[in-house]
Amino acid sequence: MAQYFDSPAGYTAMFGWVCGYSGDAAFLDIALERFTRQTRAQRAWDGRAWMGLMLDPGNPMVSIVEAPGLVHCRIRDGLRRPFNLMHAKVALLGFAHEADPARWLVRLLVSTGNWTRQTMEESLDLAWRLDLGVEALSSNLDKDRLAVADVAAAWQLLDWLRPHFDCRLLEQGEGGRLSVADRARHTFEGWLEACAKSNSGVRPRFFDNRNQSLLAQLPLQIIAHA
């Protein structure tokens, strides 16, 4: 599972959003090392946030000491939760081309397993990966239009979740490494918003159960994509 966080050849990590039911430092530290190409010590010294994490509130907090570069956003107190349990295991990762940062790439990961060492070492789980380059936004190919729709749908879910979590640590942009991370996050989210705006109404393969059960949606998904 951790290999899906690897930066593609010729690209560098920008920022990533991850949600799930559970996660632990053992897995997430490895994922961050592969995402950033930096060791734990390098990330700790650098002090930059590379990834925002939103987990079901029943999961213990993962500290930035255990997984440097990770900001585990705590569920907000006093708000009505829009879910009983958060089971969706989704990641959106952003990468910028080393020679031309405008040539960005977004990766969508959907997993049946949790972001834990146990999943990585002991479980038999499935993961779906989709890489989307900026050129897909101007493409008329069906596969590219579908990929844009998938990323847009995943971003819609994560963006909907964010107000229910305390992400203030990622929003401190007044100088230092926090401002670097804040700019990177805004740049990455700009790419995701571009996907949302370019979505041409294609039914995405990515779907969730915020408004309708997965079972109720499945027949239409099969008709559209089988």
Protein backbone atom coordinates (compact mmCIF):
# COMPACT_ATOMS: atom_id res chain seq x y z
CA MET A 1 0.00 0.00 0.00
CA ALA A 2 2.72 2.48 0.93
CA GLN A 3 4.24 2.32 -2.55
CA TYR A 4 1.20 4.14 -3.92
CA PHE A 5 2.44 7.27 -2.13
CA ASP A 6 5.67 7.32 -4.18
CA SER A 7 6.36 10.52 -6.11
CA PRO A 8 6.44 9.81 -9.87
CA ALA A 9 9.78 10.11 -11.66
CA GLY A 10 10.48 13.74 -12.48
CA TYR A 11 7.96 15.07 -9.94
CA THR A 12 8.22 16.35 -6.39
CA ALA A 13 5.60 16.20 -3.65
CA MET A 14 3.42 19.25 -3.09
CA PHE A 15 0.73 18.33 -0.55
CA GLY A 16 -1.77 15.59 0.23
CA TRP A 17 -5.13 15.09 1.93
CA VAL A 18 -5.98 11.71 3.48
CA CYS A 19 -9.12 10.47 5.21
CA GLY A 20 -9.92 7.10 6.70
CA TYR A 21 -11.32 5.06 9.53
CA SER A 22 -7.97 4.49 11.23
CA GLY A 23 -4.28 5.10 10.73
CA ASP A 24 -1.06 4.72 12.68
CA ALA A 25 2.33 6.38 12.75
CA ALA A 26 4.11 3.24 11.56
CA PHE A 27 2.35 3.29 8.19
CA LEU A 28 1.95 7.03 7.78
CA ASP A 29 5.63 7.75 8.45
CA ILE A 30 6.58 5.31 5.68
CA ALA A 31 3.98 6.84 3.36
CA LEU A 32 5.38 10.31 4.03
CA GLU A 33 8.93 9.16 3.38
CA ARG A 34 7.91 7.77 0.00
CA PHE A 35 5.78 10.83 -0.80
CA THR A 36 8.45 13.41 0.06
CA ARG A 37 11.61 11.36 -0.58
CA GLN A 38 12.80 12.59 2.82
CA THR A 39 13.72 10.52 5.84
CA ARG A 40 11.96 10.96 9.15
CA ALA A 41 14.90 12.96 10.49
CA GLN A 42 14.95 15.23 7.43
CA ARG A 43 11.23 15.94 7.74
CA ALA A 44 11.53 16.59 11.46
CA TRP A 45 14.36 19.06 10.91
CA ASP A 46 12.56 20.77 8.02
CA GLY A 47 9.37 21.28 10.02
CA ARG A 48 7.08 21.52 7.03
CA ALA A 49 3.58 20.02 6.88
CA TRP A 50 3.17 17.77 3.87
CA MET A 51 -0.09 15.99 4.53
CA GLY A 52 -3.41 16.60 6.28
CA LEU A 53 -5.12 13.62 7.90
CA MET A 54 -8.79 13.24 8.88
CA LEU A 55 -9.72 10.03 10.70
CA ASP A 56 -12.76 8.72 12.51
CA PRO A 57 -12.64 10.33 15.98
CA GLY A 58 -12.45 6.92 17.66
CA ASN A 59 -8.89 6.59 16.38
CA PRO A 60 -5.97 7.79 18.56
CA MET A 61 -4.24 10.96 17.40
CA VAL A 62 -1.03 10.54 15.40
CA SER A 63 1.45 13.16 16.56
CA ILE A 64 3.76 15.15 14.34
CA VAL A 65 6.65 13.72 16.40
CA GLU A 66 5.70 10.16 15.43
CA ALA A 67 5.18 11.05 11.76
CA PRO A 68 6.96 14.34 10.94
CA GLY A 69 5.23 16.25 8.17
CA LEU A 70 1.78 14.92 9.07
CA VAL A 71 -0.96 17.09 10.57
CA HIS A 72 -3.69 14.95 12.11
CA CYS A 73 -6.73 17.22 12.22
CA ARG A 74 -8.91 16.56 15.26
CA ILE A 75 -12.71 16.37 14.93
CA ARG A 76 -14.25 19.69 15.98
CA ASP A 77 -16.04 19.79 19.31
CA GLY A 78 -19.60 21.03 19.51
CA LEU A 79 -20.54 20.25 15.93
CA ARG A 80 -23.05 17.67 14.86
CA ARG A 81 -21.17 14.90 13.12
CA PRO A 82 -22.42 14.14 9.61
CA PHE A 83 -21.50 10.46 10.04
CA ASN A 84 -21.69 7.71 12.66
CA LEU A 85 -18.43 6.09 11.57
CA MET A 86 -16.11 7.37 8.86
CA HIS A 87 -15.09 4.37 6.81
CA ALA A 88 -13.96 6.03 3.56
CA LYS A 89 -10.25 5.46 2.96
CA VAL A 90 -9.32 8.08 0.37
CA ALA A 91 -6.17 10.03 -0.45
CA LEU A 92 -5.53 12.86 -2.88
CA LEU A 93 -1.84 13.58 -3.46
CA GLY A 94 -0.34 16.44 -5.45
CA PHE A 95 2.96 16.51 -7.33
CA ALA A 96 4.69 19.28 -9.30
CA HIS A 97 7.05 18.62 -12.20
CA GLU A 98 10.66 19.34 -11.31
CA ALA A 99 11.37 21.27 -14.53
CA ASP A 100 7.98 22.96 -14.90
CA PRO A 101 5.81 23.23 -11.75
CA ALA A 102 2.82 24.12 -13.93
CA ARG A 103 2.91 20.51 -15.15
CA TRP A 104 1.19 19.13 -12.09
CA LEU A 105 -0.14 15.66 -11.38
CA VAL A 106 -2.83 14.57 -8.92
CA ARG A 107 -3.11 11.01 -7.63
CA LEU A 108 -6.32 9.53 -6.25
CA LEU A 109 -6.09 6.50 -3.97
CA VAL A 110 -9.04 4.49 -2.68
CA SER A 111 -8.34 1.59 -0.33
CA THR A 112 -10.36 -1.13 1.35
CA GLY A 113 -7.77 -1.27 4.12
CA ASN A 114 -6.88 1.24 6.80
CA TRP A 115 -3.75 3.39 6.78
CA THR A 116 -2.00 1.09 9.26
CA ARG A 117 1.01 -1.20 9.47
CA GLN A 118 -1.35 -4.14 10.05
CA THR A 119 -3.01 -3.47 6.69
CA MET A 120 0.37 -3.18 5.00
CA GLU A 121 1.88 -6.34 6.48
CA GLU A 122 -0.96 -8.73 7.30
CA SER A 123 -4.20 -7.91 5.46
CA LEU A 124 -5.31 -8.78 1.96
CA ASP A 125 -6.90 -5.54 0.79
CA LEU A 126 -7.57 -3.79 -2.49
CA ALA A 127 -6.44 -0.34 -3.60
CA TRP A 128 -7.39 1.70 -6.65
CA ARG A 129 -4.98 4.31 -7.99
CA LEU A 130 -5.57 7.03 -10.58
CA ASP A 131 -2.94 9.50 -11.81
CA LEU A 132 -4.25 12.65 -13.51
CA GLY A 133 -2.00 15.16 -15.27
CA VAL A 134 -2.88 18.77 -16.00
CA GLU A 135 -3.16 17.98 -19.71
CA ALA A 136 -6.29 15.93 -19.01
CA LEU A 137 -8.23 19.13 -18.28
CA SER A 138 -8.10 20.12 -21.95
CA SER A 139 -8.49 16.61 -23.36
CA ASN A 140 -11.59 15.35 -25.17
CA LEU A 141 -10.69 11.71 -24.64
CA ASP A 142 -13.32 9.78 -22.68
CA LYS A 143 -10.72 8.27 -20.34
CA ASP A 144 -9.39 11.71 -19.42
CA ARG A 145 -12.84 13.23 -18.91
CA LEU A 146 -13.69 10.29 -16.65
CA ALA A 147 -10.48 10.70 -14.67
CA VAL A 148 -11.22 14.40 -14.16
CA ALA A 149 -14.71 13.50 -12.92
CA ASP A 150 -13.25 10.95 -10.48
CA VAL A 151 -10.79 13.43 -8.97
CA ALA A 152 -13.49 16.11 -8.77
CA ALA A 153 -15.83 13.72 -6.93
CA ALA A 154 -13.13 12.68 -4.46
CA TRP A 155 -12.23 16.31 -3.79
CA GLN A 156 -15.90 17.13 -3.23
CA LEU A 157 -15.98 14.50 -0.47
CA LEU A 158 -12.76 15.63 1.23
CA ASP A 159 -13.67 19.30 0.95
CA TRP A 160 -17.06 18.50 2.51
CA LEU A 161 -15.34 16.73 5.41
CA ARG A 162 -12.82 19.46 6.22
CA PRO A 163 -15.11 21.92 8.07
CA HIS A 164 -15.85 19.17 10.59
CA PHE A 165 -12.15 18.91 11.51
CA ASP A 166 -9.82 21.41 13.13
CA CYS A 167 -7.33 22.20 10.37
CA ARG A 168 -6.06 25.50 11.79
CA LEU A 169 -2.48 24.28 12.03
CA LEU A 170 -2.45 24.00 8.24
CA GLU A 171 -3.76 27.54 7.85
CA GLN A 172 -0.96 29.37 9.69
CA GLY A 173 0.68 31.16 6.80
CA GLU A 174 2.68 33.97 8.45
CA GLY A 175 6.29 33.18 7.67
CA GLY A 176 8.56 30.18 8.13
CA ARG A 177 7.90 26.62 7.08
CA LEU A 178 4.21 26.91 7.92
CA SER A 179 3.81 29.51 5.18
CA VAL A 180 5.59 27.22 2.70
CA ALA A 181 3.15 24.44 3.53
CA ASP A 182 0.19 26.82 3.36
CA ARG A 183 1.18 28.01 -0.13
CA ALA A 184 1.73 24.43 -1.27
CA ARG A 185 -1.67 23.39 0.07
CA HIS A 186 -3.41 26.29 -1.67
CA THR A 187 -1.62 25.48 -4.93
CA PHE A 188 -2.62 21.83 -4.67
CA GLU A 189 -6.22 22.68 -3.86
CA GLY A 190 -6.24 25.04 -6.84
CA TRP A 191 -5.49 22.04 -9.04
CA LEU A 192 -8.36 20.14 -7.47
CA GLU A 193 -10.72 23.08 -7.97
CA ALA A 194 -9.64 23.21 -11.61
CA CYS A 195 -10.71 19.58 -11.94
CA ALA A 196 -14.05 20.39 -10.32
CA LYS A 197 -14.63 23.30 -12.72
CA SER A 198 -13.60 21.23 -15.76
CA ASN A 199 -15.93 18.35 -14.87
CA SER A 200 -18.18 17.96 -17.91
CA GLY A 201 -21.00 16.08 -16.24
CA VAL A 202 -19.52 12.62 -16.77
CA ARG A 203 -20.68 10.17 -14.09
CA PRO A 204 -17.58 9.45 -11.99
CA ARG A 205 -16.57 5.99 -10.90
CA PHE A 206 -15.86 7.44 -7.46
CA PHE A 207 -19.03 7.73 -5.39
CA ASP A 208 -19.94 8.00 -1.71
CA ASN A 209 -22.93 7.57 0.57
CA ARG A 210 -23.38 11.07 2.00
CA ASN A 211 -26.82 11.46 0.40
CA GLN A 212 -27.71 7.97 -0.82
CA SER A 213 -26.65 4.46 0.14
CA LEU A 214 -23.93 2.78 -1.88
CA LEU A 215 -26.28 -0.09 -2.67
CA ALA A 216 -28.90 2.26 -4.11
CA GLN A 217 -26.31 3.88 -6.38
CA LEU A 218 -24.66 0.67 -7.53
CA PRO A 219 -27.08 -0.25 -10.38
CA LEU A 220 -26.51 3.08 -12.15
CA GLN A 221 -22.76 2.78 -11.62
CA ILE A 222 -22.78 -0.67 -13.22
CA ILE A 223 -24.79 0.58 -16.19
CA ALA A 224 -22.45 3.53 -16.68
CA HIS A 225 -19.11 1.79 -16.23
CA ALA A 226 -19.46 -1.98 -16.58
